[in-house]
Amino acid sequence: MMDDPATKPIAIGIPWYTRAAYPDILEIMVDSATFPRDFDEWRQKAEATEMRVESEGTAAVRAMIDPEEFPHWCHTHGLRMDGEARGKFASLTAFNAVKSAH
């Protein structure tokens, strides 16, 4: 079955963190037990995801999550600080990146 180009996303947001922020990210996320403990291990996995997305012809947008601002964003949107919230934040970041490019 071939993918329908009309339904293929233009961009996909990938939650992204800085090395300096990573320890704080591990502290605030309710599902932090699912994260690699080591930043370099996380980054390797994130970059592999980024390359896979781009190899499929979709733009990968790094959605930088700030551990000081993300709790407020989650509260404003009625979300827990978990994978669902990170996914929504990343999707919104990608949407805004595409919107501002056009």
PDB file of N, CA and C in Angstrom:
ATOM      1  N   MET A   1       0.838  -1.185   0.000  1.00  0.00           N
ATOM      2  CA  MET A   1       0.000   0.000   0.000  1.00  0.00           C
ATOM      3  C   MET A   1       0.882   1.247   0.000  1.00  0.00           C
ATOM      4  N   MET A   2       0.653   2.135  -0.938  1.00  0.00           N
ATOM      5  CA  MET A   2       1.440   3.355  -1.033  1.00  0.00           C
ATOM      6  C   MET A   2       0.838   4.432  -0.143  1.00  0.00           C
ATOM      7  N   ASP A   3       1.740   5.255   0.401  1.00  0.00           N
ATOM      8  CA  ASP A   3       1.272   6.375   1.210  1.00  0.00           C
ATOM      9  C   ASP A   3       0.664   7.435   0.304  1.00  0.00           C
ATOM     10  N   ASP A   4      -0.415   8.004   0.740  1.00  0.00           N
ATOM     11  CA  ASP A   4      -1.060   9.085   0.004  1.00  0.00           C
ATOM     12  C   ASP A   4      -0.312  10.381   0.314  1.00  0.00           C
ATOM     13  N   PRO A   5       0.315  11.017  -0.689  1.00  0.00           N
ATOM     14  CA  PRO A   5       1.056  12.252  -0.429  1.00  0.00           C
ATOM     15  C   PRO A   5       0.200  13.344   0.196  1.00  0.00           C
ATOM     16  N   ALA A   6      -1.099  13.310  -0.059  1.00  0.00           N
ATOM     17  CA  ALA A   6      -1.984  14.337   0.502  1.00  0.00           C
ATOM     18  C   ALA A   6      -2.125  14.205   2.010  1.00  0.00           C
ATOM     19  N   THR A   7      -1.877  13.016   2.545  1.00  0.00           N
ATOM     20  CA  THR A   7      -2.017  12.823   3.991  1.00  0.00           C
ATOM     21  C   THR A   7      -0.675  12.814   4.710  1.00  0.00           C
ATOM     22  N   LYS A   8       0.411  12.934   3.964  1.00  0.00           N
ATOM     23  CA  LYS A   8       1.742  12.917   4.566  1.00  0.00           C
ATOM     24  C   LYS A   8       2.024  14.271   5.215  1.00  0.00           C
ATOM     25  N   PRO A   9       2.489  14.280   6.455  1.00  0.00           N
ATOM     26  CA  PRO A   9       2.765  15.563   7.100  1.00  0.00           C
ATOM     27  C   PRO A   9       3.947  16.270   6.439  1.00  0.00           C
ATOM     28  N   ILE A  10       3.893  17.581   6.417  1.00  0.00           N
ATOM     29  CA  ILE A  10       4.983  18.392   5.883  1.00  0.00           C
ATOM     30  C   ILE A  10       6.143  18.392   6.871  1.00  0.00           C
ATOM     31  N   ALA A  11       5.808  18.424   8.153  1.00  0.00           N
ATOM     32  CA  ALA A  11       6.824  18.480   9.201  1.00  0.00           C
ATOM     33  C   ALA A  11       6.335  17.727  10.429  1.00  0.00           C
ATOM     34  N   ILE A  12       7.294  17.197  11.149  1.00  0.00           N
ATOM     35  CA  ILE A  12       7.008  16.514  12.408  1.00  0.00           C
ATOM     36  C   ILE A  12       7.899  17.133  13.474  1.00  0.00           C
ATOM     37  N   GLY A  13       7.301  17.478  14.599  1.00  0.00           N
ATOM     38  CA  GLY A  13       8.059  18.031  15.706  1.00  0.00           C
ATOM     39  C   GLY A  13       8.657  16.925  16.558  1.00  0.00           C
ATOM     40  N   ILE A  14       9.890  17.130  16.962  1.00  0.00           N
ATOM     41  CA  ILE A  14      10.580  16.180  17.827  1.00  0.00           C
ATOM     42  C   ILE A  14      10.971  16.915  19.102  1.00  0.00           C
ATOM     43  N   PRO A  15      10.502  16.443  20.261  1.00  0.00           N
ATOM     44  CA  PRO A  15      10.908  17.095  21.507  1.00  0.00           C
ATOM     45  C   PRO A  15      12.435  17.114  21.608  1.00  0.00           C
ATOM     46  N   TRP A  16      12.981  18.271  21.987  1.00  0.00           N
ATOM     47  CA  TRP A  16      14.433  18.433  22.012  1.00  0.00           C
ATOM     48  C   TRP A  16      14.851  19.145  23.293  1.00  0.00           C
ATOM     49  N   TYR A  17      16.016  18.797  23.784  1.00  0.00           N
ATOM     50  CA  TYR A  17      16.528  19.357  25.042  1.00  0.00           C
ATOM     51  C   TYR A  17      17.988  19.735  24.872  1.00  0.00           C
ATOM     52  N   THR A  18      18.440  20.682  25.660  1.00  0.00           N
ATOM     53  CA  THR A  18      19.867  20.990  25.702  1.00  0.00           C
ATOM     54  C   THR A  18      20.518  20.108  26.760  1.00  0.00           C
ATOM     55  N   ARG A  19      21.821  19.960  26.629  1.00  0.00           N
ATOM     56  CA  ARG A  19      22.570  19.189  27.630  1.00  0.00           C
ATOM     57  C   ARG A  19      22.380  19.803  29.023  1.00  0.00           C
ATOM     58  N   ALA A  20      22.458  21.128  29.094  1.00  0.00           N
ATOM     59  CA  ALA A  20      22.339  21.813  30.386  1.00  0.00           C
ATOM     60  C   ALA A  20      20.968  21.605  31.020  1.00  0.00           C
ATOM     61  N   ALA A  21      19.922  21.534  30.192  1.00  0.00           N
ATOM     62  CA  ALA A  21      18.558  21.402  30.714  1.00  0.00           C
ATOM     63  C   ALA A  21      18.169  19.960  31.016  1.00  0.00           C
ATOM     64  N   TYR A  22      18.898  19.004  30.481  1.00  0.00           N
ATOM     65  CA  TYR A  22      18.468  17.604  30.576  1.00  0.00           C
ATOM     66  C   TYR A  22      18.252  17.121  32.016  1.00  0.00           C
ATOM     67  N   PRO A  23      19.142  17.416  32.960  1.00  0.00           N
ATOM     68  CA  PRO A  23      18.866  16.972  34.343  1.00  0.00           C
ATOM     69  C   PRO A  23      17.544  17.522  34.887  1.00  0.00           C
ATOM     70  N   ASP A  24      17.240  18.769  34.565  1.00  0.00           N
ATOM     71  CA  ASP A  24      15.974  19.362  35.018  1.00  0.00           C
ATOM     72  C   ASP A  24      14.783  18.721  34.310  1.00  0.00           C
ATOM     73  N   ILE A  25      14.952  18.369  33.043  1.00  0.00           N
ATOM     74  CA  ILE A  25      13.898  17.667  32.303  1.00  0.00           C
ATOM     75  C   ILE A  25      13.586  16.352  33.012  1.00  0.00           C
ATOM     76  N   LEU A  26      14.625  15.634  33.400  1.00  0.00           N
ATOM     77  CA  LEU A  26      14.424  14.362  34.103  1.00  0.00           C
ATOM     78  C   LEU A  26      13.692  14.561  35.428  1.00  0.00           C
ATOM     79  N   GLU A  27      13.891  15.707  36.049  1.00  0.00           N
ATOM     80  CA  GLU A  27      13.233  16.000  37.326  1.00  0.00           C
ATOM     81  C   GLU A  27      11.750  16.321  37.158  1.00  0.00           C
ATOM     82  N   ILE A  28      11.388  17.022  36.087  1.00  0.00           N
ATOM     83  CA  ILE A  28      10.007  17.511  35.984  1.00  0.00           C
ATOM     84  C   ILE A  28       9.052  16.576  35.253  1.00  0.00           C
ATOM     85  N   MET A  29       9.565  15.722  34.392  1.00  0.00           N
ATOM     86  CA  MET A  29       8.673  14.863  33.604  1.00  0.00           C
ATOM     87  C   MET A  29       8.133  13.719  34.455  1.00  0.00           C
ATOM     88  N   VAL A  30       6.821  13.527  34.429  1.00  0.00           N
ATOM     89  CA  VAL A  30       6.219  12.478  35.251  1.00  0.00           C
ATOM     90  C   VAL A  30       6.580  11.086  34.746  1.00  0.00           C
ATOM     91  N   ASP A  31       6.998  11.001  33.494  1.00  0.00           N
ATOM     92  CA  ASP A  31       7.394   9.708  32.923  1.00  0.00           C
ATOM     93  C   ASP A  31       8.903   9.627  32.679  1.00  0.00           C
ATOM     94  N   SER A  32       9.666  10.339  33.497  1.00  0.00           N
ATOM     95  CA  SER A  32      11.114  10.399  33.281  1.00  0.00           C
ATOM     96  C   SER A  32      11.799   9.040  33.401  1.00  0.00           C
ATOM     97  N   ALA A  33      11.141   8.070  34.016  1.00  0.00           N
ATOM     98  CA  ALA A  33      11.728   6.727  34.111  1.00  0.00           C
ATOM     99  C   ALA A  33      11.902   6.102  32.729  1.00  0.00           C
ATOM    100  N   THR A  34      11.181   6.614  31.736  1.00  0.00           N
ATOM    101  CA  THR A  34      11.297   6.081  30.372  1.00  0.00           C
ATOM    102  C   THR A  34      12.432   6.742  29.594  1.00  0.00           C
ATOM    103  N   PHE A  35      13.040   7.780  30.151  1.00  0.00           N
ATOM    104  CA  PHE A  35      14.121   8.503  29.491  1.00  0.00           C
ATOM    105  C   PHE A  35      15.460   7.822  29.745  1.00  0.00           C
ATOM    106  N   PRO A  36      16.367   7.889  28.769  1.00  0.00           N
ATOM    107  CA  PRO A  36      17.742   7.473  29.069  1.00  0.00           C
ATOM    108  C   PRO A  36      18.296   8.374  30.172  1.00  0.00           C
ATOM    109  N   ARG A  37      19.057   7.828  31.082  1.00  0.00           N
ATOM    110  CA  ARG A  37      19.645   8.639  32.154  1.00  0.00           C
ATOM    111  C   ARG A  37      20.723   9.567  31.608  1.00  0.00           C
ATOM    112  N   ASP A  38      21.347   9.167  30.530  1.00  0.00           N
ATOM    113  CA  ASP A  38      22.489   9.877  29.975  1.00  0.00           C
ATOM    114  C   ASP A  38      22.059  10.738  28.782  1.00  0.00           C
ATOM    115  N   PHE A  39      22.433  12.008  28.791  1.00  0.00           N
ATOM    116  CA  PHE A  39      22.061  12.922  27.714  1.00  0.00           C
ATOM    117  C   PHE A  39      22.545  12.431  26.361  1.00  0.00           C
ATOM    118  N   ASP A  40      23.783  11.950  26.300  1.00  0.00           N
ATOM    119  CA  ASP A  40      24.330  11.511  25.013  1.00  0.00           C
ATOM    120  C   ASP A  40      23.540  10.340  24.437  1.00  0.00           C
ATOM    121  N   GLU A  41      23.079   9.455  25.298  1.00  0.00           N
ATOM    122  CA  GLU A  41      22.245   8.342  24.833  1.00  0.00           C
ATOM    123  C   GLU A  41      20.905   8.876  24.307  1.00  0.00           C
ATOM    124  N   TRP A  42      20.309   9.818  25.044  1.00  0.00           N
ATOM    125  CA  TRP A  42      19.057  10.420  24.569  1.00  0.00           C
ATOM    126  C   TRP A  42      19.277  11.092  23.214  1.00  0.00           C
ATOM    127  N   ARG A  43      20.353  11.878  23.111  1.00  0.00           N
ATOM    128  CA  ARG A  43      20.600  12.625  21.870  1.00  0.00           C
ATOM    129  C   ARG A  43      20.809  11.687  20.685  1.00  0.00           C
ATOM    130  N   GLN A  44      21.515  10.597  20.900  1.00  0.00           N
ATOM    131  CA  GLN A  44      21.735   9.622  19.835  1.00  0.00           C
ATOM    132  C   GLN A  44      20.394   9.075  19.327  1.00  0.00           C
ATOM    133  N   LYS A  45      19.499   8.744  20.252  1.00  0.00           N
ATOM    134  CA  LYS A  45      18.176   8.238  19.860  1.00  0.00           C
ATOM    135  C   LYS A  45      17.358   9.319  19.150  1.00  0.00           C
ATOM    136  N   ALA A  46      17.422  10.539  19.662  1.00  0.00           N
ATOM    137  CA  ALA A  46      16.664  11.639  19.057  1.00  0.00           C
ATOM    138  C   ALA A  46      17.176  11.946  17.652  1.00  0.00           C
ATOM    139  N   GLU A  47      18.492  11.931  17.474  1.00  0.00           N
ATOM    140  CA  GLU A  47      19.053  12.189  16.147  1.00  0.00           C
ATOM    141  C   GLU A  47      18.700  11.065  15.174  1.00  0.00           C
ATOM    142  N   ALA A  48      18.638   9.829  15.656  1.00  0.00           N
ATOM    143  CA  ALA A  48      18.221   8.710  14.803  1.00  0.00           C
ATOM    144  C   ALA A  48      16.773   8.896  14.354  1.00  0.00           C
ATOM    145  N   THR A  49      15.918   9.352  15.270  1.00  0.00           N
ATOM    146  CA  THR A  49      14.522   9.631  14.919  1.00  0.00           C
ATOM    147  C   THR A  49      14.458  10.750  13.888  1.00  0.00           C
ATOM    148  N   GLU A  50      15.229  11.788  14.114  1.00  0.00           N
ATOM    149  CA  GLU A  50      15.272  12.925  13.198  1.00  0.00           C
ATOM    150  C   GLU A  50      15.697  12.472  11.792  1.00  0.00           C
ATOM    151  N   MET A  51      16.724  11.647  11.707  1.00  0.00           N
ATOM    152  CA  MET A  51      17.197  11.161  10.403  1.00  0.00           C
ATOM    153  C   MET A  51      16.153  10.272   9.725  1.00  0.00           C
ATOM    154  N   ARG A  52      15.463   9.442  10.509  1.00  0.00           N
ATOM    155  CA  ARG A  52      14.425   8.575   9.944  1.00  0.00           C
ATOM    156  C   ARG A  52      13.291   9.408   9.359  1.00  0.00           C
ATOM    157  N   VAL A  53      12.845  10.400  10.109  1.00  0.00           N
ATOM    158  CA  VAL A  53      11.761  11.277   9.643  1.00  0.00           C
ATOM    159  C   VAL A  53      12.169  11.961   8.340  1.00  0.00           C
ATOM    160  N   GLU A  54      13.381  12.501   8.320  1.00  0.00           N
ATOM    161  CA  GLU A  54      13.835  13.221   7.131  1.00  0.00           C
ATOM    162  C   GLU A  54      14.058  12.278   5.950  1.00  0.00           C
ATOM    163  N   SER A  55      14.472  11.039   6.220  1.00  0.00           N
ATOM    164  CA  SER A  55      14.674  10.073   5.128  1.00  0.00           C
ATOM    165  C   SER A  55      13.349   9.691   4.466  1.00  0.00           C
ATOM    166  N   GLU A  56      12.248   9.906   5.190  1.00  0.00           N
ATOM    167  CA  GLU A  56      10.916   9.629   4.650  1.00  0.00           C
ATOM    168  C   GLU A  56      10.347  10.838   3.909  1.00  0.00           C
ATOM    169  N   GLY A  57      11.165  11.898   3.782  1.00  0.00           N
ATOM    170  CA  GLY A  57      10.745  13.072   3.035  1.00  0.00           C
ATOM    171  C   GLY A  57       9.948  14.088   3.827  1.00  0.00           C
ATOM    172  N   THR A  58       9.988  13.983   5.139  1.00  0.00           N
ATOM    173  CA  THR A  58       9.267  14.911   6.011  1.00  0.00           C
ATOM    174  C   THR A  58      10.288  15.747   6.772  1.00  0.00           C
ATOM    175  N   ALA A  59      10.016  17.028   6.925  1.00  0.00           N
ATOM    176  CA  ALA A  59      10.910  17.885   7.697  1.00  0.00           C
ATOM    177  C   ALA A  59      10.792  17.538   9.177  1.00  0.00           C
ATOM    178  N   ALA A  60      11.930  17.475   9.842  1.00  0.00           N
ATOM    179  CA  ALA A  60      11.956  17.259  11.290  1.00  0.00           C
ATOM    180  C   ALA A  60      12.239  18.605  11.951  1.00  0.00           C
ATOM    181  N   VAL A  61      11.370  18.998  12.851  1.00  0.00           N
ATOM    182  CA  VAL A  61      11.513  20.272  13.549  1.00  0.00           C
ATOM    183  C   VAL A  61      11.861  19.981  15.003  1.00  0.00           C
ATOM    184  N   ARG A  62      12.990  20.504  15.442  1.00  0.00           N
ATOM    185  CA  ARG A  62      13.391  20.334  16.845  1.00  0.00           C
ATOM    186  C   ARG A  62      12.558  21.275  17.713  1.00  0.00           C
ATOM    187  N   ALA A  63      11.764  20.690  18.576  1.00  0.00           N
ATOM    188  CA  ALA A  63      10.898  21.463  19.468  1.00  0.00           C
ATOM    189  C   ALA A  63      11.595  21.563  20.823  1.00  0.00           C
ATOM    190  N   MET A  64      12.307  22.671  21.018  1.00  0.00           N
ATOM    191  CA  MET A  64      13.095  22.853  22.226  1.00  0.00           C
ATOM    192  C   MET A  64      12.180  23.017  23.440  1.00  0.00           C
ATOM    193  N   ILE A  65      12.352  22.137  24.406  1.00  0.00           N
ATOM    194  CA  ILE A  65      11.545  22.184  25.628  1.00  0.00           C
ATOM    195  C   ILE A  65      12.402  22.751  26.749  1.00  0.00           C
ATOM    196  N   ASP A  66      11.954  23.859  27.281  1.00  0.00           N
ATOM    197  CA  ASP A  66      12.636  24.542  28.377  1.00  0.00           C
ATOM    198  C   ASP A  66      12.007  24.071  29.686  1.00  0.00           C
ATOM    199  N   PRO A  67      12.805  23.525  30.602  1.00  0.00           N
ATOM    200  CA  PRO A  67      12.234  22.995  31.842  1.00  0.00           C
ATOM    201  C   PRO A  67      11.624  24.058  32.752  1.00  0.00           C
ATOM    202  N   GLU A  68      11.925  25.324  32.501  1.00  0.00           N
ATOM    203  CA  GLU A  68      11.311  26.383  33.300  1.00  0.00           C
ATOM    204  C   GLU A  68       9.976  26.830  32.699  1.00  0.00           C
ATOM    205  N   GLU A  69       9.853  26.761  31.378  1.00  0.00           N
ATOM    206  CA  GLU A  69       8.634  27.224  30.712  1.00  0.00           C
ATOM    207  C   GLU A  69       7.624  26.107  30.465  1.00  0.00           C
ATOM    208  N   PHE A  70       8.095  24.881  30.289  1.00  0.00           N
ATOM    209  CA  PHE A  70       7.208  23.777  29.940  1.00  0.00           C
ATOM    210  C   PHE A  70       6.136  23.503  30.999  1.00  0.00           C
ATOM    211  N   PRO A  71       6.455  23.555  32.299  1.00  0.00           N
ATOM    212  CA  PRO A  71       5.390  23.335  33.289  1.00  0.00           C
ATOM    213  C   PRO A  71       4.235  24.330  33.141  1.00  0.00           C
ATOM    214  N   HIS A  72       4.566  25.580  32.861  1.00  0.00           N
ATOM    215  CA  HIS A  72       3.517  26.595  32.673  1.00  0.00           C
ATOM    216  C   HIS A  72       2.694  26.275  31.422  1.00  0.00           C
ATOM    217  N   TRP A  73       3.366  25.896  30.332  1.00  0.00           N
ATOM    218  CA  TRP A  73       2.669  25.544  29.094  1.00  0.00           C
ATOM    219  C   TRP A  73       1.713  24.377  29.349  1.00  0.00           C
ATOM    220  N   CYS A  74       2.179  23.373  30.062  1.00  0.00           N
ATOM    221  CA  CYS A  74       1.329  22.208  30.369  1.00  0.00           C
ATOM    222  C   CYS A  74       0.127  22.616  31.212  1.00  0.00           C
ATOM    223  N   HIS A  75       0.365  23.432  32.225  1.00  0.00           N
ATOM    224  CA  HIS A  75      -0.725  23.887  33.096  1.00  0.00           C
ATOM    225  C   HIS A  75      -1.764  24.660  32.279  1.00  0.00           C
ATOM    226  N   THR A  76      -1.298  25.550  31.419  1.00  0.00           N
ATOM    227  CA  THR A  76      -2.186  26.354  30.581  1.00  0.00           C
ATOM    228  C   THR A  76      -3.058  25.482  29.684  1.00  0.00           C
ATOM    229  N   HIS A  77      -2.495  24.361  29.215  1.00  0.00           N
ATOM    230  CA  HIS A  77      -3.212  23.477  28.296  1.00  0.00           C
ATOM    231  C   HIS A  77      -3.861  22.280  28.995  1.00  0.00           C
ATOM    232  N   GLY A  78      -3.819  22.267  30.329  1.00  0.00           N
ATOM    233  CA  GLY A  78      -4.462  21.195  31.087  1.00  0.00           C
ATOM    234  C   GLY A  78      -3.817  19.833  30.888  1.00  0.00           C
ATOM    235  N   LEU A  79      -2.494  19.825  30.741  1.00  0.00           N
ATOM    236  CA  LEU A  79      -1.776  18.578  30.480  1.00  0.00           C
ATOM    237  C   LEU A  79      -0.794  18.243  31.594  1.00  0.00           C
ATOM    238  N   ARG A  80      -0.577  16.952  31.764  1.00  0.00           N
ATOM    239  CA  ARG A  80       0.493  16.498  32.657  1.00  0.00           C
ATOM    240  C   ARG A  80       1.808  16.623  31.894  1.00  0.00           C
ATOM    241  N   MET A  81       2.902  16.703  32.602  1.00  0.00           N
ATOM    242  CA  MET A  81       4.211  16.797  31.944  1.00  0.00           C
ATOM    243  C   MET A  81       4.673  15.392  31.573  1.00  0.00           C
ATOM    244  N   ASP A  82       4.170  14.916  30.421  1.00  0.00           N
ATOM    245  CA  ASP A  82       4.458  13.552  29.984  1.00  0.00           C
ATOM    246  C   ASP A  82       4.587  13.499  28.467  1.00  0.00           C
ATOM    247  N   GLY A  83       4.651  12.296  27.941  1.00  0.00           N
ATOM    248  CA  GLY A  83       4.827  12.108  26.507  1.00  0.00           C
ATOM    249  C   GLY A  83       3.729  12.734  25.675  1.00  0.00           C
ATOM    250  N   GLU A  84       2.506  12.677  26.160  1.00  0.00           N
ATOM    251  CA  GLU A  84       1.399  13.297  25.427  1.00  0.00           C
ATOM    252  C   GLU A  84       1.628  14.800  25.301  1.00  0.00           C
ATOM    253  N   ALA A  85       2.011  15.434  26.401  1.00  0.00           N
ATOM    254  CA  ALA A  85       2.251  16.881  26.381  1.00  0.00           C
ATOM    255  C   ALA A  85       3.443  17.221  25.494  1.00  0.00           C
ATOM    256  N   ARG A  86       4.516  16.446  25.594  1.00  0.00           N
ATOM    257  CA  ARG A  86       5.680  16.699  24.740  1.00  0.00           C
ATOM    258  C   ARG A  86       5.307  16.561  23.267  1.00  0.00           C
ATOM    259  N   GLY A  87       4.500  15.546  22.961  1.00  0.00           N
ATOM    260  CA  GLY A  87       4.062  15.347  21.581  1.00  0.00           C
ATOM    261  C   GLY A  87       3.230  16.509  21.073  1.00  0.00           C
ATOM    262  N   LYS A  88       2.309  16.991  21.896  1.00  0.00           N
ATOM    263  CA  LYS A  88       1.465  18.120  21.496  1.00  0.00           C
ATOM    264  C   LYS A  88       2.302  19.383  21.320  1.00  0.00           C
ATOM    265  N   PHE A  89       3.232  19.594  22.243  1.00  0.00           N
ATOM    266  CA  PHE A  89       4.108  20.760  22.154  1.00  0.00           C
ATOM    267  C   PHE A  89       4.952  20.691  20.878  1.00  0.00           C
ATOM    268  N   ALA A  90       5.507  19.515  20.600  1.00  0.00           N
ATOM    269  CA  ALA A  90       6.342  19.337  19.407  1.00  0.00           C
ATOM    270  C   ALA A  90       5.523  19.521  18.134  1.00  0.00           C
ATOM    271  N   SER A  91       4.306  18.998  18.117  1.00  0.00           N
ATOM    272  CA  SER A  91       3.436  19.157  16.944  1.00  0.00           C
ATOM    273  C   SER A  91       3.092  20.620  16.712  1.00  0.00           C
ATOM    274  N   LEU A  92       2.793  21.331  17.781  1.00  0.00           N
ATOM    275  CA  LEU A  92       2.482  22.755  17.666  1.00  0.00           C
ATOM    276  C   LEU A  92       3.698  23.533  17.170  1.00  0.00           C
ATOM    277  N   THR A  93       4.872  23.180  17.667  1.00  0.00           N
ATOM    278  CA  THR A  93       6.102  23.834  17.219  1.00  0.00           C
ATOM    279  C   THR A  93       6.316  23.610  15.727  1.00  0.00           C
ATOM    280  N   ALA A  94       6.117  22.377  15.275  1.00  0.00           N
ATOM    281  CA  ALA A  94       6.273  22.066  13.846  1.00  0.00           C
ATOM    282  C   ALA A  94       5.242  22.826  13.015  1.00  0.00           C
ATOM    283  N   PHE A  95       4.003  22.851  13.478  1.00  0.00           N
ATOM    284  CA  PHE A  95       2.943  23.578  12.770  1.00  0.00           C
ATOM    285  C   PHE A  95       3.316  25.052  12.623  1.00  0.00           C
ATOM    286  N   ASN A  96       3.773  25.655  13.722  1.00  0.00           N
ATOM    287  CA  ASN A  96       4.137  27.070  13.691  1.00  0.00           C
ATOM    288  C   ASN A  96       5.337  27.325  12.781  1.00  0.00           C
ATOM    289  N   ALA A  97       6.281  26.388  12.739  1.00  0.00           N
ATOM    290  CA  ALA A  97       7.449  26.535  11.864  1.00  0.00           C
ATOM    291  C   ALA A  97       7.027  26.510  10.398  1.00  0.00           C
ATOM    292  N   VAL A  98       6.132  25.600  10.054  1.00  0.00           N
ATOM    293  CA  VAL A  98       5.644  25.507   8.674  1.00  0.00           C
ATOM    294  C   VAL A  98       4.824  26.745   8.323  1.00  0.00           C
ATOM    295  N   LYS A  99       3.969  27.158   9.250  1.00  0.00           N
ATOM    296  CA  LYS A  99       3.106  28.323   9.029  1.00  0.00           C
ATOM    297  C   LYS A  99       3.940  29.586   8.798  1.00  0.00           C
ATOM    298  N   SER A 100       4.995  29.771   9.590  1.00  0.00           N
ATOM    299  CA  SER A 100       5.811  30.981   9.447  1.00  0.00           C
ATOM    300  C   SER A 100       6.689  30.937   8.197  1.00  0.00           C
ATOM    301  N   ALA A 101       6.912  29.741   7.651  1.00  0.00           N
ATOM    302  CA  ALA A 101       7.725  29.614   6.436  1.00  0.00           C
ATOM    303  C   ALA A 101       6.920  29.924   5.179  1.00  0.00           C
ATOM    304  N   HIS A 102       5.597  29.950   5.321  1.00  0.00           N
ATOM    305  CA  HIS A 102       4.751  30.186   4.137  1.00  0.00           C
ATOM    306  C   HIS A 102       4.101  31.532   4.175  1.00  0.00           C
TER     307      HIS A 102
END
